């Protein structure tokens, strides 16, 4: 396990999609978790702490380009390193 003091700080907004301007590849070298309204979520595609939302896939539904359709859920967002 790595030393928590040597980990980079988590940004206010982060996306796992490499096409997004909010994607930071260096952060994904470490295992990042998201706690949403007190429960850990493993299906989060993007989050924003200051606005209080996460984006998650809407089931198995995909758009015409094959990307999953996303829904935005509002609540308390807490990112952390596992």
Protein backbone atom coordinates (compact mmCIF):
# COMPACT_ATOMS: atom_id res chain seq x y z
CA UNK A 1 0.00 0.00 0.00
CA UNK A 2 1.25 3.50 -0.74
CA UNK A 3 1.72 6.24 1.81
CA UNK A 4 -1.45 8.43 1.94
CA UNK A 5 0.64 11.60 2.24
CA UNK A 6 2.30 10.94 -1.13
CA UNK A 7 -1.00 10.59 -3.04
CA UNK A 8 -2.09 13.53 -5.24
CA UNK A 9 -5.13 15.47 -3.99
CA UNK A 10 -8.44 14.52 -5.59
CA UNK A 11 -9.92 17.26 -7.81
CA UNK A 12 -13.37 18.82 -7.44
CA UNK A 13 -14.48 17.17 -10.68
CA UNK A 14 -13.18 13.94 -12.22
CA UNK A 15 -14.22 11.67 -15.09
CA UNK A 16 -13.08 8.19 -16.08
CA UNK A 17 -13.79 8.91 -19.77
CA UNK A 18 -10.47 9.76 -21.53
CA UNK A 19 -12.35 12.03 -23.98
CA UNK A 20 -13.53 14.29 -21.15
CA UNK A 21 -11.64 17.50 -20.25
CA UNK A 22 -12.01 16.42 -16.59
CA UNK A 23 -10.05 13.18 -17.06
CA UNK A 24 -6.73 13.02 -15.15
CA UNK A 25 -4.94 9.79 -16.05
CA UNK A 26 -2.34 10.12 -13.26
CA UNK A 27 -5.04 9.76 -10.59
CA UNK A 28 -6.16 6.40 -11.95
CA UNK A 29 -2.79 4.85 -11.15
CA UNK A 30 -4.25 4.66 -7.62
CA UNK A 31 -7.56 3.04 -6.69
CA UNK A 32 -10.14 5.85 -6.33
CA UNK A 33 -13.48 5.20 -4.63
CA UNK A 34 -16.65 7.30 -4.40
CA UNK A 35 -18.98 7.46 -1.42
CA UNK A 36 -22.38 8.87 -2.45
CA UNK A 37 -24.88 9.73 0.32
CA UNK A 38 -22.93 7.54 2.73
CA UNK A 39 -22.77 4.43 0.51
CA UNK A 40 -19.81 3.38 -1.65
CA UNK A 41 -20.62 3.28 -5.38
CA UNK A 42 -18.57 1.35 -7.94
CA UNK A 43 -20.44 2.44 -11.10
CA UNK A 44 -19.59 6.18 -11.07
CA UNK A 45 -18.39 7.57 -14.42
CA UNK A 46 -17.97 11.21 -13.32
CA UNK A 47 -18.41 13.27 -10.16
CA UNK A 48 -18.44 16.89 -8.99
CA UNK A 49 -18.03 17.63 -5.29
CA UNK A 50 -18.94 21.34 -5.32
CA UNK A 51 -22.17 20.83 -7.30
CA UNK A 52 -23.00 17.58 -5.46
CA UNK A 53 -23.66 15.11 -8.28
CA UNK A 54 -22.43 11.89 -9.90
CA UNK A 55 -23.07 10.42 -13.33
CA UNK A 56 -23.85 6.72 -13.57
CA UNK A 57 -24.95 4.49 -16.48
CA UNK A 58 -28.70 4.12 -16.96
CA UNK A 59 -28.86 0.33 -16.98
CA UNK A 60 -27.75 -1.38 -20.19
CA UNK A 61 -29.07 1.40 -22.44
CA UNK A 62 -26.59 2.73 -25.02
CA UNK A 63 -26.69 5.61 -27.49
CA UNK A 64 -26.23 5.24 -31.25
CA UNK A 65 -22.43 5.36 -30.86
CA UNK A 66 -22.45 2.49 -28.34
CA UNK A 67 -21.71 4.65 -25.30
CA UNK A 68 -23.85 4.05 -22.19
CA UNK A 69 -26.55 6.62 -21.45
CA UNK A 70 -25.82 8.50 -18.24
CA UNK A 71 -28.08 9.82 -15.53
CA UNK A 72 -27.13 12.46 -12.97
CA UNK A 73 -27.81 11.78 -9.30
CA UNK A 74 -27.62 14.60 -6.76
CA UNK A 75 -26.41 14.19 -3.20
CA UNK A 76 -23.32 14.25 -0.99
CA UNK A 77 -20.17 13.15 -2.90
CA UNK A 78 -17.02 11.99 -1.08
CA UNK A 79 -14.09 10.73 -3.20
CA UNK A 80 -11.34 8.77 -1.44
CA UNK A 81 -8.35 6.54 -2.10
CA UNK A 82 -8.86 2.87 -1.28
